[in-house]
């Protein structure tokens, strides 16, 4: 959706008043760094992103400010310690 919105012309974008837009949450798929950076430039630092495993086995979240400091990050765990493993189940380093 962000990619389609970024294709709007400046004239089209200026038709919308975003002054009351306080937060926008996106999830479910990785957002390319360039796309997210351009959305933050357009909307301001109101983007919140989260990832979660199926059956509630873990989640991460990150806001615009932290993301700008660490582009491409999925954020910090919101539910304890998460372990990232390779295809053989071996835990990977942080």
Foldseek 3Di string as FASTA:
>chain_A
DLVVVVPDDPVVLVVDDLPVPQADEDEDDFDDLVSVVVVCVSNNFRYKYKYADPPRPWMAIDTSVVCVVPPPDRHDTPPDDDFDADPVRHTDDD
